[in-house]
Protein backbone atom coordinates (compact mmCIF):
# COMPACT_ATOMS: atom_id res chain seq x y z
CA MET A 1 10.42 99.88 19.70
CA THR A 2 13.36 97.77 19.75
CA GLY A 3 13.65 93.98 20.02
CA THR A 4 15.28 90.88 18.69
CA ALA A 5 14.23 88.95 15.61
CA ARG A 6 11.81 86.13 16.37
CA ARG A 7 13.27 82.65 15.76
CA PRO A 8 11.47 80.51 13.19
CA ARG A 9 9.33 77.74 14.66
CA PRO A 10 10.92 74.26 13.97
CA LEU A 11 9.06 72.03 11.56
CA PRO A 12 7.48 68.88 13.04
CA ARG A 13 9.56 65.71 12.71
CA PRO A 14 8.24 63.09 10.29
CA MET A 15 6.73 60.02 11.94
CA PRO A 16 8.51 56.70 11.22
CA PRO A 17 6.63 54.32 8.92
CA PRO A 18 4.72 51.53 10.66
CA ALA A 19 6.67 48.28 11.02
CA LEU A 20 5.61 45.63 8.56
CA PRO A 21 4.66 42.25 10.04
CA ARG A 22 7.34 39.57 9.72
CA PRO A 23 6.42 36.68 7.46
CA VAL A 24 5.49 33.54 9.33
CA ARG A 25 7.37 30.45 8.20
CA ALA A 26 5.82 27.03 7.88
CA THR A 27 6.56 25.14 11.04
CA LEU A 28 6.54 21.63 12.34
CA PRO A 29 4.41 20.93 15.41
CA GLY A 30 5.68 23.07 18.23
CA ARG A 31 8.60 24.46 16.23
CA PRO A 32 9.44 28.20 16.33
CA ALA A 33 8.05 30.42 13.57
CA ALA A 34 11.51 31.75 12.76
CA PRO A 35 15.02 30.32 13.06
CA GLY A 36 16.01 30.25 16.70
CA GLY A 37 12.61 31.42 17.94
CA PRO A 38 12.19 33.43 21.13
CA GLU A 39 15.12 33.14 23.46
CA THR A 40 14.64 31.30 26.75
CA PRO A 41 14.64 33.90 29.56
CA PRO A 42 17.51 33.37 31.99
CA GLY A 43 16.42 31.52 35.10
CA LEU A 44 13.11 30.31 33.63
CA PRO A 45 12.42 26.92 35.24
CA LEU A 46 11.21 23.92 33.26
CA ASP A 47 7.49 23.40 33.76
CA ARG A 48 7.70 19.64 34.27
CA ASP A 49 4.06 19.37 35.31
CA LYS A 50 2.94 20.77 31.96
CA LEU A 51 5.46 18.67 30.03
CA LEU A 52 4.48 15.42 31.76
CA ALA A 53 0.77 16.24 31.48
CA ALA A 54 1.31 16.56 27.73
CA ARG A 55 2.94 13.13 27.73
CA LEU A 56 -0.05 11.66 29.58
CA HIS A 57 -2.35 13.21 26.97
CA ALA A 58 -0.21 11.62 24.22
CA VAL A 59 -0.51 8.23 25.96
CA LYS A 60 -4.28 8.68 26.23
CA VAL A 61 -4.79 9.34 22.52
CA ARG A 62 -2.02 6.96 21.33
CA PRO A 63 -2.07 4.10 23.87
CA TYR A 64 -0.01 1.77 21.64
CA LEU A 65 2.93 4.19 22.03
CA ALA A 66 2.76 4.24 25.84
CA GLY A 67 5.78 1.99 26.38
CA ALA A 68 7.95 4.18 24.15
CA LEU A 69 6.72 7.51 25.56
CA PHE A 70 7.41 6.44 29.14
CA ALA A 71 10.84 5.09 28.15
CA LEU A 72 12.07 8.59 27.19
CA HIS A 73 14.19 10.33 29.82
CA VAL A 74 13.76 14.12 29.97
CA VAL A 75 16.91 16.26 29.96
CA GLU A 76 16.50 20.02 30.50
CA ASP A 77 18.82 22.03 28.24
CA ARG A 78 18.52 25.71 27.31
CA SER A 79 20.69 25.30 24.21
CA VAL A 80 18.10 23.04 22.55
CA PRO A 81 15.89 25.01 20.14
CA THR A 82 12.69 23.16 21.06
CA MET A 83 12.59 19.40 21.74
CA ALA A 84 14.99 16.83 20.34
CA VAL A 85 15.97 13.20 20.90
CA ASP A 86 19.18 11.21 20.63
CA ALA A 87 19.69 7.58 19.73
CA HIS A 88 19.81 6.54 23.40
CA TRP A 89 16.21 7.62 24.07
CA ARG A 90 16.92 10.89 25.87
CA CYS A 91 14.54 13.78 25.18
CA TYR A 92 16.18 17.22 25.40
CA VAL A 93 13.73 20.01 26.24
CA SER A 94 13.97 23.82 26.22
CA PRO A 95 12.13 25.43 29.20
CA GLY A 96 11.10 28.41 27.07
CA PHE A 97 9.63 26.13 24.42
CA VAL A 98 7.52 24.32 27.00
CA ALA A 99 6.33 27.63 28.48
CA ARG A 100 5.10 29.08 25.18
CA THR A 101 3.59 25.89 23.65
CA PRO A 102 0.00 24.78 24.36
CA MET A 103 -0.33 21.46 26.14
CA GLU A 104 -2.13 19.73 23.22
CA ASP A 105 0.64 20.79 20.82
CA LEU A 106 3.26 19.51 23.28
CA ALA A 107 1.54 16.12 23.18
CA GLY A 108 1.95 16.14 19.40
CA VAL A 109 5.65 16.93 19.76
CA TRP A 110 6.05 14.01 22.18
CA VAL A 111 4.54 11.66 19.59
CA HIS A 112 6.57 13.24 16.80
CA GLU A 113 9.91 12.86 18.58
CA VAL A 114 9.33 9.32 19.87
CA SER A 115 8.28 8.26 16.36
CA HIS A 116 11.82 9.04 15.15
CA LEU A 117 13.21 6.59 17.69
CA ILE A 118 10.64 3.84 17.19
CA ARG A 119 11.28 3.82 13.46
CA ASP A 120 15.07 3.83 13.97
CA HIS A 121 15.68 6.98 11.94
CA HIS A 122 19.06 7.26 13.66
CA GLY A 123 20.38 3.93 12.34
CA ARG A 124 18.70 4.27 8.95
CA SER A 125 20.11 7.78 8.48
CA GLU A 126 23.62 6.59 9.35
CA ARG A 127 23.35 3.78 6.81
CA TYR A 128 22.05 6.14 4.12
CA ALA A 129 24.85 8.66 4.78
CA ARG A 130 27.48 5.91 4.69
CA GLU A 131 26.16 4.38 1.45
CA ASN A 132 25.84 7.74 -0.32
CA GLY A 133 28.75 9.64 1.22
CA GLU A 134 26.52 12.47 2.52
CA TYR A 135 27.83 13.90 5.78
CA GLY A 136 27.54 17.71 5.54
CA PRO A 137 25.04 19.98 7.34
CA GLY A 138 22.89 20.26 4.23
CA GLU A 139 22.65 16.47 3.93
CA ARG A 140 21.84 16.23 7.64
CA LEU A 141 18.93 18.65 7.15
CA ARG A 142 17.68 16.64 4.15
CA ARG A 143 17.60 13.47 6.24
CA ASN A 144 15.73 15.25 9.04
CA ILE A 145 13.15 16.61 6.57
CA ALA A 146 12.68 13.21 4.93
CA ALA A 147 12.28 11.55 8.34
CA ASP A 148 9.61 14.11 9.25
CA PHE A 149 7.84 13.46 5.95
CA GLU A 150 7.67 9.76 6.82
CA ILE A 151 5.99 10.23 10.20
CA ASN A 152 4.04 13.51 9.88
CA ASP A 153 1.60 12.21 7.27
CA ASP A 154 -0.30 9.89 9.63
CA ILE A 155 0.42 10.67 13.31
CA TYR A 156 -2.08 13.51 13.76
CA GLY A 157 -5.82 13.64 14.13
CA HIS A 158 -7.99 11.66 16.58
CA GLY A 159 -6.98 13.71 19.60
CA LEU A 160 -3.77 15.27 18.29
CA PRO A 161 -4.46 18.57 16.45
CA VAL A 162 -2.55 19.27 13.25
CA PRO A 163 -0.61 22.52 13.73
CA ALA A 164 -0.85 25.14 10.99
CA GLY A 165 1.99 24.73 8.53
CA ALA A 166 3.04 21.28 9.68
CA VAL A 167 5.65 19.99 7.24
CA GLY A 168 4.53 16.95 5.30
CA PRO A 169 5.23 15.39 1.91
CA SER A 170 2.57 17.60 0.31
CA LEU A 171 4.99 20.51 0.80
CA LEU A 172 6.96 19.19 -2.19
CA ARG A 173 3.95 17.60 -3.89
CA LEU A 174 5.18 14.14 -2.95
CA PRO A 175 2.88 11.19 -2.23
CA ALA A 176 2.18 10.24 1.36
CA GLY A 177 3.04 6.87 2.85
CA LEU A 178 6.65 6.60 1.63
CA LEU A 179 9.72 5.82 3.70
CA MET A 180 12.48 8.27 4.54
CA GLU A 181 14.85 6.63 2.07
CA GLU A 182 12.29 6.89 -0.73
CA TYR A 183 11.80 10.60 -0.12
CA LEU A 184 15.57 11.12 -0.14
CA ARG A 185 15.93 9.31 -3.48
CA THR A 186 12.97 10.96 -5.22
CA ALA A 187 13.28 14.61 -4.13
CA SER A 188 16.18 17.06 -3.81
CA MET A 189 14.42 19.12 -1.06
CA SER A 190 16.63 22.08 -1.94
CA GLY A 191 13.61 24.38 -2.13
CA ALA A 192 12.32 23.40 1.32
CA ALA A 193 15.75 23.33 2.98
CA ALA A 194 16.18 27.13 2.74
CA ASP A 195 13.05 27.77 4.83
CA LEU A 196 13.66 24.86 7.22
CA ALA A 197 17.27 25.54 8.17
CA TRP A 198 16.17 25.88 11.81
CA LEU A 199 14.75 22.33 11.85
CA ASP A 200 16.57 20.15 14.39
CA CYS A 201 15.09 16.98 15.92
CA GLY A 202 18.44 15.76 17.23
CA SER A 203 20.60 12.81 16.26
CA GLY A 204 17.63 10.50 16.82
CA ALA A 205 16.22 11.81 13.53
CA ASP A 206 19.27 12.09 11.26
CA GLY A 207 22.14 10.21 12.91
CA GLN A 208 24.44 13.21 13.49
CA ALA A 209 25.45 14.01 17.09
CA ARG A 210 24.75 17.46 18.60
CA PRO A 211 26.85 19.46 21.09
CA TRP A 212 24.15 19.31 23.78
CA GLU A 213 23.76 15.51 23.68
CA LEU A 214 25.20 13.32 26.44
CA GLY A 215 26.45 10.63 24.07
CA GLN A 216 26.76 6.89 24.51
CA GLY A 217 28.47 7.08 27.90
CA GLY A 218 26.06 9.63 29.36
CA ALA A 219 23.56 9.00 32.11
CA HIS A 220 20.03 7.65 31.66
CA GLY A 221 20.60 6.21 28.18
CA LEU A 222 19.08 2.93 27.01
CA SER A 223 21.25 0.09 25.76
CA ARG A 224 20.65 -1.44 22.37
CA GLN A 225 18.85 -4.41 23.93
CA GLN A 226 16.60 -2.10 25.94
CA ARG A 227 15.78 -0.03 22.85
CA ASP A 228 14.86 -3.15 20.90
CA ALA A 229 12.69 -4.33 23.81
CA VAL A 230 10.77 -1.03 23.77
CA ARG A 231 10.20 -1.26 20.02
CA PHE A 232 9.04 -4.86 20.40
CA ARG A 233 6.48 -3.88 23.06
CA VAL A 234 5.16 -1.13 20.79
CA ALA A 235 4.87 -3.54 17.84
CA GLU A 236 2.99 -6.05 20.02
CA ALA A 237 0.63 -3.30 21.25
CA ILE A 238 -0.13 -2.25 17.67
CA LYS A 239 -0.75 -5.81 16.49
CA GLY A 240 -2.90 -6.51 19.55
CA ARG A 241 -5.34 -3.72 18.60
CA PRO A 242 -4.65 -3.00 14.91
CA GLY A 243 -7.82 -0.94 14.45
CA ASP A 244 -6.47 1.78 16.73
CA ALA A 245 -3.31 2.50 14.70
CA PRO A 246 -2.87 4.16 11.28
CA GLU A 247 -1.80 2.08 8.32
CA GLY A 248 1.80 3.30 8.50
CA TRP A 249 2.15 2.10 12.08
CA ARG A 250 0.52 -1.27 11.27
CA ARG A 251 2.92 -1.77 8.37
CA TRP A 252 5.85 -0.93 10.64
CA ALA A 253 4.67 -3.39 13.28
CA ASP A 254 4.36 -6.18 10.70
CA GLU A 255 7.86 -5.65 9.34
CA ALA A 256 9.84 -4.39 12.36
CA PHE A 257 10.73 -7.80 13.79
CA HIS A 258 9.83 -9.96 10.79
CA PRO A 259 11.66 -8.30 7.89
CA PRO A 260 11.24 -9.79 4.40
CA GLN A 261 13.80 -12.54 3.90
CA PRO A 262 15.94 -12.74 0.77
CA TRP A 263 14.40 -16.14 0.18
CA ARG A 264 16.16 -16.94 -3.10
CA ARG A 265 19.55 -16.49 -1.48
CA ILE A 266 18.44 -18.44 1.61
CA LEU A 267 17.04 -21.28 -0.48
CA GLY A 268 20.20 -21.49 -2.56
CA ALA A 269 22.34 -21.46 0.59
CA ALA A 270 20.20 -24.22 2.12
CA VAL A 271 20.60 -26.40 -0.98
CA ARG A 272 24.35 -25.78 -1.11
CA SER A 273 24.66 -26.52 2.60
CA ALA A 274 22.76 -29.78 2.23
CA ALA A 275 24.75 -30.73 -0.87
CA SER A 276 28.09 -30.09 0.84
CA ALA A 277 27.27 -31.84 4.12
CA PRO A 278 29.53 -34.70 5.23
CA GLY A 279 28.63 -37.92 3.51
CA VAL A 280 26.77 -36.29 0.62
CA GLY A 281 28.23 -37.18 -2.75
CA GLU A 282 31.22 -38.92 -1.17
CA ASP A 283 32.62 -42.29 -2.25
CA HIS A 284 35.91 -44.19 -2.17
CA SER A 285 37.98 -44.28 -5.33
CA TYR A 286 41.24 -46.00 -6.35
CA ARG A 287 41.97 -43.33 -8.97
CA ARG A 288 44.10 -41.54 -6.40
CA PRO A 289 45.62 -43.65 -3.59
CA SER A 290 45.05 -42.57 -0.03
CA ARG A 291 47.90 -40.73 1.71
CA ARG A 292 47.76 -43.37 4.38
CA SER A 293 49.03 -45.97 1.92
CA ALA A 294 52.57 -44.79 2.67
CA GLY A 295 52.24 -46.23 6.17
CA LEU A 296 51.22 -49.67 4.83
CA PRO A 297 53.82 -50.90 2.29
CA GLY A 298 52.31 -53.18 -0.31
CA VAL A 299 48.72 -52.16 0.49
CA LEU A 300 46.77 -49.83 -1.79
CA LEU A 301 44.09 -47.87 0.06
CA PRO A 302 41.35 -45.94 -1.75
CA SER A 303 40.87 -42.22 -1.12
CA LEU A 304 37.60 -40.56 -0.27
CA ARG A 305 36.44 -38.47 -3.23
CA ARG A 306 33.52 -36.03 -3.44
CA THR A 307 31.35 -36.19 -6.52
CA PRO A 308 28.64 -33.61 -7.40
CA PRO A 309 25.49 -34.43 -5.40
CA ARG A 310 22.26 -35.55 -7.01
CA VAL A 311 19.18 -33.42 -6.24
CA CYS A 312 15.54 -34.43 -6.71
CA VAL A 313 12.98 -31.60 -6.66
CA VAL A 314 9.45 -32.60 -5.62
CA ILE A 315 6.99 -29.91 -6.82
CA ASP A 316 3.51 -29.69 -5.33
CA THR A 317 1.12 -29.47 -8.30
CA SER A 318 -2.13 -29.77 -6.34
CA GLY A 319 -5.11 -27.47 -6.92
CA SER A 320 -4.18 -25.28 -3.94
CA VAL A 321 -0.96 -24.13 -5.64
CA SER A 322 -1.44 -21.25 -8.07
CA ASP A 323 0.01 -20.96 -11.57
CA ALA A 324 2.23 -18.11 -10.40
CA GLU A 325 3.65 -20.32 -7.66
CA LEU A 326 4.29 -23.13 -10.13
CA GLY A 327 6.14 -20.67 -12.35
CA SER A 328 8.18 -19.60 -9.36
CA ALA A 329 8.92 -23.25 -8.61
CA LEU A 330 10.36 -23.74 -12.10
CA LEU A 331 12.60 -20.73 -11.61
CA GLU A 332 13.82 -22.27 -8.37
CA VAL A 333 14.61 -25.51 -10.17
CA ALA A 334 16.95 -23.62 -12.48
CA ALA A 335 18.52 -21.88 -9.46
CA ILE A 336 19.00 -25.25 -7.76
CA ALA A 337 20.83 -26.52 -10.84
CA ARG A 338 23.20 -23.55 -10.55
CA ALA A 339 23.69 -24.27 -6.84
CA VAL A 340 25.13 -27.71 -7.66
CA GLY A 341 27.59 -26.41 -10.22
CA GLY A 342 25.33 -26.20 -13.27
CA ARG A 343 25.09 -30.00 -13.67
CA ARG A 344 21.53 -30.30 -14.99
CA ASP A 345 22.01 -34.03 -15.45
CA LEU A 346 22.23 -34.37 -11.67
CA VAL A 347 18.85 -32.66 -11.07
CA SER A 348 15.52 -34.44 -11.53
CA VAL A 349 11.94 -33.21 -10.99
CA VAL A 350 8.90 -35.07 -9.63
CA SER A 351 5.39 -33.61 -10.07
CA CYS A 352 3.15 -34.58 -7.19
CA ASP A 353 -0.41 -33.91 -6.13
CA ALA A 354 -2.21 -36.91 -4.55
CA ALA A 355 0.08 -39.22 -6.54
CA ALA A 356 3.58 -38.79 -7.81
CA GLY A 357 4.62 -38.76 -11.44
CA ILE A 358 7.87 -40.08 -12.80
CA ALA A 359 11.20 -38.45 -12.02
CA VAL A 360 12.00 -36.35 -15.09
CA PRO A 361 15.62 -35.32 -15.72
CA LEU A 362 16.08 -31.58 -15.95
CA CYS A 363 16.76 -30.31 -19.46
CA ARG A 364 15.21 -26.84 -19.55
CA ALA A 365 13.10 -25.76 -16.58
CA GLU A 366 10.98 -23.38 -18.65
CA SER A 367 9.88 -26.18 -21.01
CA MET A 368 9.09 -28.72 -18.28
CA GLU A 369 5.47 -29.87 -18.00
CA LEU A 370 4.00 -30.05 -14.51
CA ILE A 371 1.07 -32.48 -14.17
CA GLY A 372 -1.45 -32.37 -11.34
CA GLY A 373 -4.34 -30.31 -10.03
CA GLY A 374 -5.92 -32.70 -7.52
CA GLY A 375 -5.38 -33.23 -3.81
CA THR A 376 -2.07 -33.13 -2.01
CA ASP A 377 0.04 -35.95 -0.57
CA LEU A 378 3.77 -35.35 -0.84
CA ARG A 379 4.51 -38.68 0.83
CA SER A 380 4.20 -40.33 -2.55
CA GLY A 381 6.54 -37.72 -4.01
CA PHE A 382 9.20 -38.46 -1.38
CA ALA A 383 8.79 -42.22 -1.96
CA ARG A 384 9.14 -41.76 -5.74
CA ALA A 385 12.26 -39.63 -5.30
CA LEU A 386 13.90 -42.25 -3.05
CA ARG A 387 13.19 -45.00 -5.62
CA SER A 388 15.23 -43.14 -8.22
CA VAL A 389 18.42 -44.83 -9.41
CA PRO A 390 20.86 -43.61 -8.35
CA ARG A 391 19.23 -42.34 -5.17
CA PRO A 392 19.39 -38.55 -4.65
CA ASP A 393 21.67 -36.99 -2.06
CA VAL A 394 19.28 -34.07 -1.47
CA ILE A 395 15.47 -33.78 -1.78
CA VAL A 396 13.96 -30.30 -2.25
CA ALA A 397 10.17 -30.07 -1.81
CA LEU A 398 8.39 -26.93 -3.12
CA THR A 399 4.87 -26.84 -1.60
CA ASP A 400 2.22 -24.75 0.13
CA GLY A 401 2.49 -27.05 3.16
CA GLN A 402 -1.10 -28.40 3.02
CA THR A 403 0.04 -31.99 2.84
CA PRO A 404 0.84 -34.98 5.04
CA TRP A 405 4.57 -35.51 5.58
CA PRO A 406 6.61 -38.72 5.71
CA SER A 407 6.54 -40.28 9.18
CA ALA A 408 10.25 -41.16 9.04
CA GLN A 409 13.19 -39.00 8.07
CA PRO A 410 14.47 -39.80 4.56
CA PRO A 411 18.03 -41.19 4.34
CA CYS A 412 19.20 -37.94 2.71
CA ARG A 413 19.20 -34.20 3.32
CA THR A 414 15.82 -32.44 2.91
CA VAL A 415 14.99 -28.81 2.12
CA VAL A 416 11.39 -27.52 2.05
CA GLY A 417 10.55 -24.36 0.07
CA LEU A 418 7.22 -23.21 1.54
CA PHE A 419 4.76 -21.01 -0.37
CA PRO A 420 3.20 -18.75 2.31
CA ARG A 421 -0.49 -18.75 3.10
CA PRO A 422 -1.72 -15.55 4.85
CA GLY A 423 -4.88 -17.08 6.32
CA ALA A 424 -5.89 -20.41 7.76
CA PRO A 425 -6.39 -23.12 5.10
CA VAL A 426 -9.95 -24.06 4.22
CA ASP A 427 -11.18 -27.58 3.53
CA GLU A 428 -14.83 -27.79 2.46
CA ASP A 429 -15.03 -31.47 3.50
CA ASP A 430 -13.43 -30.88 6.91
CA PRO A 431 -13.81 -27.36 8.36
CA ASP A 432 -11.54 -28.28 11.31
CA TYR A 433 -8.66 -29.32 9.06
CA VAL A 434 -5.27 -27.97 10.11
CA PRO A 435 -2.25 -29.04 8.03
CA ASP A 436 0.81 -30.47 9.69
CA THR A 437 3.84 -28.23 9.94
CA PRO A 438 6.98 -29.32 8.08
CA PRO A 439 8.93 -31.93 10.07
CA PRO A 440 11.87 -30.81 12.21
CA TRP A 441 14.36 -32.78 10.12
CA ALA A 442 13.73 -30.54 7.09
CA ARG A 443 15.38 -27.16 6.48
CA VAL A 444 12.41 -24.82 5.83
CA VAL A 445 12.67 -21.65 3.72
CA VAL A 446 9.60 -19.43 3.17
CA ILE A 447 9.32 -18.48 -0.51
CA GLY A 448 8.10 -15.00 -1.38
């Protein structure tokens, strides 16, 4: 029997090993789990109904942000990774991102993005970059992360769910409640930057323009006055119902349009302005003849000479002024002496509660004794200052404002340094007592 040799049966091919799951990165609300995220399918339309419904949900749970949320103009752009904002209050949206993100999470992204604009992260980031010379892509990412740290620690909850892995200051074991600039100064963020390289909230978060943004001359942007008006309406809404807003938003509303004044510089400038006003410290002198004497042969005309002005400081020493405020008043007396050229002999101090003491020449402010502790009536202090010989050119009153004021304007410049009082003053003898405000003829500077 003849035949051919049987071919060997091929061995079975080995099966490929199962694919390991990709690690999931920590994400901000609504951000992709990996850099770039899923690509937007070509031709996918923007689901505006879903996007605007998410905005309405954000307004419902954060009503004090309604004016800002409705001020954002939506711009559809497929090159945007997720959602981003620019400094002109345009919100750039990826259709694919809207399609794959739940509506409640989209509401959180609305609040997140508009918070960058309300807190002026664009302008603050530009100032920080200019002051520190940090303009590269790594520095841009650091500013974006720090800005997210500032707002992500208190915008969620109470209707806005916290997404898993939301980036907050706890990521770097930093305390909550700090500002963007404080996070930038206290942490390098180099460890977090490697995993957050995809993070991009637009120039509204870090001050650096993006290719997809329309820029200053583009359509539907808000002017600077309009942006300030939106922020002002948000601040008024927060202060109108402070119990509805987190502490960070309440603090922002208190300081947004009433920033702390550099009161020492303002007080010194007010004293110098009053001391250099026309007529203050001026007198005629024959030590140097007037230039007009040349036009009148045989007649010697005096020239107008300016001498250092005399300043009298009236310090309120009543019982309503604390020891700390009296100590601050003595420091201001020394600063006033420097404002008039260091001539301590031209500065005198009057202690005044219900009655005025004598005008004491300034030797050393720290060793000066302030007498008082009773009621308050600065009218006697003004009268005592005006009886001084020679009469002062400038009167500076340091008080808490709970005092009657002179009915007539003194014949010299007047500056009032006002110790602030957070609540309404209380008078046990007269519950309806309301102190008079400083008179309009006085230059008022709030101290502290």
